[in-house]
Amino acid sequence: MITGIQIRGARAMTGMSIDELAAASGLAPDIIEALEDGDGVGEPRAFLAAKHALEAAGVIFISSGGQDEGGPGVRLRARSESDDGIRPEFLNASNDG
């Protein structure tokens, strides 16, 4: 099972607001806030909905490792070669978001 901290971190990594994650997962914004704050214990359906929405946005959830490998975490899926983003010389005020 994922944790509220992982949801918060994944949302931050993708740049999603609480409202955007709520819309993508079909949950109410206050449920997203409760999950992130740890109040969502016992809500596996809500955790799963948030997890699926974040995975669709490119997040990989990492489970707890062994004794020396650290705890649960998140990372972004590697970009494909065809998605290099915007080259620095083409960045401007209209596309910096």
N, C-alpha and C. Protein backbone atom coordinates (compact mmCIF):
# COMPACT_ATOMS: atom_id res chain seq x y z
N MET A 1 0.85 -1.18 0.00
CA MET A 1 0.00 0.00 0.00
C MET A 1 0.89 1.24 0.00
N ILE A 2 0.44 2.29 -0.67
CA ILE A 2 1.19 3.54 -0.71
C ILE A 2 0.83 4.40 0.51
N THR A 3 1.64 5.42 0.74
CA THR A 3 1.43 6.29 1.89
C THR A 3 0.98 7.68 1.44
N GLY A 4 0.48 8.44 2.39
CA GLY A 4 0.08 9.82 2.11
C GLY A 4 1.27 10.67 1.69
N ILE A 5 2.42 10.41 2.27
CA ILE A 5 3.63 11.15 1.90
C ILE A 5 4.01 10.87 0.45
N GLN A 6 3.84 9.62 0.02
CA GLN A 6 4.13 9.29 -1.37
C GLN A 6 3.16 10.02 -2.30
N ILE A 7 1.89 10.09 -1.93
CA ILE A 7 0.92 10.80 -2.76
C ILE A 7 1.31 12.27 -2.86
N ARG A 8 1.63 12.89 -1.73
CA ARG A 8 2.01 14.30 -1.72
C ARG A 8 3.25 14.53 -2.57
N GLY A 9 4.25 13.66 -2.43
CA GLY A 9 5.47 13.79 -3.20
C GLY A 9 5.24 13.58 -4.69
N ALA A 10 4.43 12.60 -5.03
CA ALA A 10 4.14 12.32 -6.43
C ALA A 10 3.37 13.48 -7.06
N ARG A 11 2.44 14.04 -6.31
CA ARG A 11 1.68 15.18 -6.81
C ARG A 11 2.61 16.36 -7.06
N ALA A 12 3.55 16.59 -6.14
CA ALA A 12 4.51 17.69 -6.30
C ALA A 12 5.41 17.44 -7.51
N MET A 13 5.86 16.20 -7.70
CA MET A 13 6.75 15.89 -8.82
C MET A 13 6.07 16.10 -10.16
N THR A 14 4.78 15.86 -10.23
CA THR A 14 4.06 16.02 -11.49
C THR A 14 3.53 17.43 -11.68
N GLY A 15 3.57 18.24 -10.61
CA GLY A 15 3.05 19.60 -10.69
C GLY A 15 1.54 19.68 -10.61
N MET A 16 0.90 18.60 -10.17
CA MET A 16 -0.56 18.59 -10.06
C MET A 16 -1.01 19.30 -8.79
N SER A 17 -2.08 20.05 -8.91
CA SER A 17 -2.69 20.64 -7.71
C SER A 17 -3.59 19.59 -7.07
N ILE A 18 -4.05 19.87 -5.88
CA ILE A 18 -4.99 18.97 -5.22
C ILE A 18 -6.25 18.84 -6.07
N ASP A 19 -6.73 19.95 -6.62
CA ASP A 19 -7.94 19.91 -7.45
C ASP A 19 -7.72 19.09 -8.72
N GLU A 20 -6.54 19.19 -9.32
CA GLU A 20 -6.26 18.41 -10.52
C GLU A 20 -6.19 16.93 -10.22
N LEU A 21 -5.56 16.56 -9.11
CA LEU A 21 -5.52 15.15 -8.74
C LEU A 21 -6.91 14.65 -8.38
N ALA A 22 -7.69 15.48 -7.73
CA ALA A 22 -9.06 15.09 -7.39
C ALA A 22 -9.86 14.80 -8.66
N ALA A 23 -9.75 15.67 -9.65
CA ALA A 23 -10.47 15.46 -10.90
C ALA A 23 -9.99 14.21 -11.63
N ALA A 24 -8.67 14.00 -11.65
CA ALA A 24 -8.11 12.85 -12.36
C ALA A 24 -8.45 11.52 -11.67
N SER A 25 -8.62 11.56 -10.36
CA SER A 25 -8.87 10.32 -9.61
C SER A 25 -10.35 10.09 -9.32
N GLY A 26 -11.19 11.10 -9.54
CA GLY A 26 -12.61 10.97 -9.23
C GLY A 26 -12.91 11.11 -7.75
N LEU A 27 -11.97 11.68 -7.00
CA LEU A 27 -12.15 11.88 -5.56
C LEU A 27 -12.38 13.36 -5.27
N ALA A 28 -12.94 13.65 -4.13
CA ALA A 28 -13.13 15.04 -3.71
C ALA A 28 -11.80 15.60 -3.22
N PRO A 29 -11.56 16.90 -3.40
CA PRO A 29 -10.30 17.49 -2.93
C PRO A 29 -10.04 17.27 -1.44
N ASP A 30 -11.08 17.28 -0.63
CA ASP A 30 -10.85 17.06 0.81
C ASP A 30 -10.40 15.63 1.10
N ILE A 31 -10.75 14.68 0.25
CA ILE A 31 -10.27 13.31 0.43
C ILE A 31 -8.78 13.23 0.07
N ILE A 32 -8.38 13.94 -0.99
CA ILE A 32 -6.96 13.98 -1.34
C ILE A 32 -6.17 14.58 -0.18
N GLU A 33 -6.66 15.68 0.38
CA GLU A 33 -5.98 16.31 1.52
C GLU A 33 -5.89 15.34 2.69
N ALA A 34 -6.97 14.61 2.95
CA ALA A 34 -6.97 13.65 4.07
C ALA A 34 -5.97 12.52 3.82
N LEU A 35 -5.88 12.05 2.58
CA LEU A 35 -4.92 11.00 2.25
C LEU A 35 -3.50 11.50 2.49
N GLU A 36 -3.21 12.71 2.03
CA GLU A 36 -1.87 13.26 2.17
C GLU A 36 -1.51 13.53 3.63
N ASP A 37 -2.50 13.89 4.42
CA ASP A 37 -2.26 14.19 5.84
C ASP A 37 -2.22 12.95 6.71
N GLY A 38 -2.51 11.78 6.12
CA GLY A 38 -2.48 10.55 6.88
C GLY A 38 -3.81 10.20 7.50
N ASP A 39 -4.84 11.04 7.27
CA ASP A 39 -6.15 10.76 7.83
C ASP A 39 -6.92 9.71 7.03
N GLY A 40 -6.38 9.30 5.88
CA GLY A 40 -7.09 8.39 5.00
C GLY A 40 -6.84 6.93 5.30
N VAL A 41 -6.32 6.63 6.48
CA VAL A 41 -6.07 5.24 6.85
C VAL A 41 -7.40 4.49 6.80
N GLY A 42 -7.39 3.34 6.15
CA GLY A 42 -8.61 2.56 6.04
C GLY A 42 -9.43 2.89 4.81
N GLU A 43 -8.86 3.69 3.90
CA GLU A 43 -9.55 4.05 2.67
C GLU A 43 -8.79 3.49 1.46
N PRO A 44 -8.71 2.17 1.34
CA PRO A 44 -7.92 1.60 0.24
C PRO A 44 -8.42 2.00 -1.14
N ARG A 45 -9.73 2.18 -1.31
CA ARG A 45 -10.27 2.57 -2.61
C ARG A 45 -9.78 3.96 -3.00
N ALA A 46 -9.72 4.87 -2.04
CA ALA A 46 -9.26 6.23 -2.30
C ALA A 46 -7.76 6.24 -2.63
N PHE A 47 -6.97 5.49 -1.86
CA PHE A 47 -5.54 5.39 -2.14
C PHE A 47 -5.31 4.83 -3.54
N LEU A 48 -6.06 3.80 -3.89
CA LEU A 48 -5.92 3.18 -5.20
C LEU A 48 -6.29 4.14 -6.33
N ALA A 49 -7.36 4.89 -6.16
CA ALA A 49 -7.78 5.85 -7.18
C ALA A 49 -6.70 6.93 -7.38
N ALA A 50 -6.15 7.44 -6.28
CA ALA A 50 -5.10 8.45 -6.36
C ALA A 50 -3.85 7.85 -7.01
N LYS A 51 -3.50 6.63 -6.62
CA LYS A 51 -2.33 5.95 -7.17
C LYS A 51 -2.46 5.78 -8.68
N HIS A 52 -3.61 5.34 -9.15
CA HIS A 52 -3.81 5.12 -10.59
C HIS A 52 -3.72 6.43 -11.36
N ALA A 53 -4.29 7.51 -10.81
CA ALA A 53 -4.23 8.80 -11.48
C ALA A 53 -2.79 9.30 -11.57
N LEU A 54 -2.03 9.13 -10.51
CA LEU A 54 -0.64 9.58 -10.50
C LEU A 54 0.23 8.70 -11.41
N GLU A 55 -0.04 7.42 -11.45
CA GLU A 55 0.70 6.53 -12.36
C GLU A 55 0.43 6.92 -13.81
N ALA A 56 -0.80 7.31 -14.11
CA ALA A 56 -1.13 7.76 -15.47
C ALA A 56 -0.38 9.04 -15.82
N ALA A 57 -0.01 9.82 -14.80
CA ALA A 57 0.74 11.05 -15.01
C ALA A 57 2.26 10.80 -15.05
N GLY A 58 2.67 9.54 -14.94
CA GLY A 58 4.08 9.20 -15.09
C GLY A 58 4.83 8.87 -13.81
N VAL A 59 4.12 8.65 -12.71
CA VAL A 59 4.76 8.35 -11.43
C VAL A 59 4.94 6.85 -11.26
N ILE A 60 6.07 6.47 -10.69
CA ILE A 60 6.32 5.09 -10.28
C ILE A 60 6.42 5.09 -8.77
N PHE A 61 5.64 4.25 -8.12
CA PHE A 61 5.69 4.13 -6.66
C PHE A 61 6.68 3.04 -6.28
N ILE A 62 7.54 3.35 -5.33
CA ILE A 62 8.59 2.43 -4.89
C ILE A 62 8.25 1.97 -3.48
N SER A 63 8.22 0.67 -3.27
CA SER A 63 7.89 0.14 -1.95
C SER A 63 9.11 0.20 -1.04
N SER A 64 8.90 -0.07 0.22
CA SER A 64 10.01 -0.09 1.18
C SER A 64 11.03 -1.12 0.76
N GLY A 65 12.29 -0.75 0.91
CA GLY A 65 13.36 -1.68 0.59
C GLY A 65 13.77 -2.46 1.82
N GLY A 66 14.88 -3.13 1.70
CA GLY A 66 15.42 -3.86 2.84
C GLY A 66 15.99 -2.90 3.86
N GLN A 67 16.71 -3.42 4.77
CA GLN A 67 17.25 -2.64 5.88
C GLN A 67 18.10 -1.45 5.40
N ASP A 68 18.87 -1.63 4.35
CA ASP A 68 19.78 -0.58 3.89
C ASP A 68 19.27 0.16 2.65
N GLU A 69 18.10 -0.18 2.16
CA GLU A 69 17.63 0.39 0.90
C GLU A 69 16.68 1.56 1.06
N GLY A 70 16.35 1.95 2.25
CA GLY A 70 15.46 3.08 2.43
C GLY A 70 14.00 2.68 2.46
N GLY A 71 13.17 3.68 2.64
CA GLY A 71 11.74 3.45 2.76
C GLY A 71 11.02 3.65 1.44
N PRO A 72 9.71 3.76 1.52
CA PRO A 72 8.91 3.93 0.30
C PRO A 72 9.21 5.28 -0.35
N GLY A 73 9.03 5.34 -1.64
CA GLY A 73 9.30 6.58 -2.36
C GLY A 73 8.56 6.66 -3.67
N VAL A 74 8.88 7.67 -4.45
CA VAL A 74 8.29 7.87 -5.78
C VAL A 74 9.38 8.34 -6.73
N ARG A 75 9.17 8.10 -7.99
CA ARG A 75 10.04 8.63 -9.03
C ARG A 75 9.22 8.79 -10.29
N LEU A 76 9.74 9.54 -11.24
CA LEU A 76 9.04 9.72 -12.51
C LEU A 76 9.54 8.69 -13.51
N ARG A 77 8.63 8.22 -14.32
CA ARG A 77 8.99 7.29 -15.39
C ARG A 77 9.93 8.00 -16.36
N ALA A 78 10.89 7.30 -16.89
CA ALA A 78 11.85 7.88 -17.84
C ALA A 78 11.10 8.37 -19.08
N ARG A 79 11.55 9.50 -19.58
CA ARG A 79 10.96 10.02 -20.81
C ARG A 79 11.42 9.20 -21.99
N SER A 80 10.59 9.13 -22.99
CA SER A 80 10.99 8.45 -24.22
C SER A 80 11.93 9.38 -24.99
N GLU A 81 12.65 8.84 -25.91
CA GLU A 81 13.59 9.65 -26.68
C GLU A 81 12.88 10.72 -27.49
N SER A 82 11.63 10.49 -27.84
CA SER A 82 10.90 11.47 -28.65
C SER A 82 10.36 12.62 -27.80
N ASP A 83 10.46 12.53 -26.47
CA ASP A 83 9.95 13.58 -25.58
C ASP A 83 11.12 14.20 -24.82
N ASP A 84 11.82 15.10 -25.47
CA ASP A 84 12.97 15.76 -24.85
C ASP A 84 12.59 17.05 -24.14
N GLY A 85 11.32 17.40 -24.15
CA GLY A 85 10.91 18.65 -23.53
C GLY A 85 11.24 19.83 -24.41
N ILE A 86 11.32 21.00 -23.80
CA ILE A 86 11.61 22.22 -24.54
C ILE A 86 13.10 22.54 -24.38
N ARG A 87 13.76 22.78 -25.49
CA ARG A 87 15.17 23.13 -25.45
C ARG A 87 15.33 24.48 -24.77
N PRO A 88 16.39 24.68 -24.00
CA PRO A 88 16.58 25.93 -23.25
C PRO A 88 16.49 27.19 -24.11
N GLU A 89 16.99 27.13 -25.32
CA GLU A 89 16.97 28.32 -26.17
C GLU A 89 15.56 28.70 -26.63
N PHE A 90 14.59 27.78 -26.45
CA PHE A 90 13.22 28.07 -26.84
C PHE A 90 12.32 28.40 -25.65
N LEU A 91 12.87 28.43 -24.45
CA LEU A 91 12.08 28.79 -23.28
C LEU A 91 11.77 30.27 -23.28
N ASN A 92 10.54 30.59 -22.93
CA ASN A 92 10.13 31.99 -22.80
C ASN A 92 9.00 32.08 -21.79
N ALA A 93 8.53 33.25 -21.52
CA ALA A 93 7.50 33.45 -20.50
C ALA A 93 6.19 32.71 -20.82
N SER A 94 5.90 32.47 -22.09
CA SER A 94 4.64 31.82 -22.43
C SER A 94 4.69 30.30 -22.29
N ASN A 95 5.88 29.71 -22.19
CA ASN A 95 5.94 28.24 -22.09
C ASN A 95 6.75 27.76 -20.90
N ASP A 96 6.91 28.60 -19.87
CA ASP A 96 7.71 28.19 -18.72
C ASP A 96 6.90 27.48 -17.66
N GLY A 97 5.65 27.21 -17.88
CA GLY A 97 4.80 26.57 -16.87
C GLY A 97 4.75 25.14 -17.05
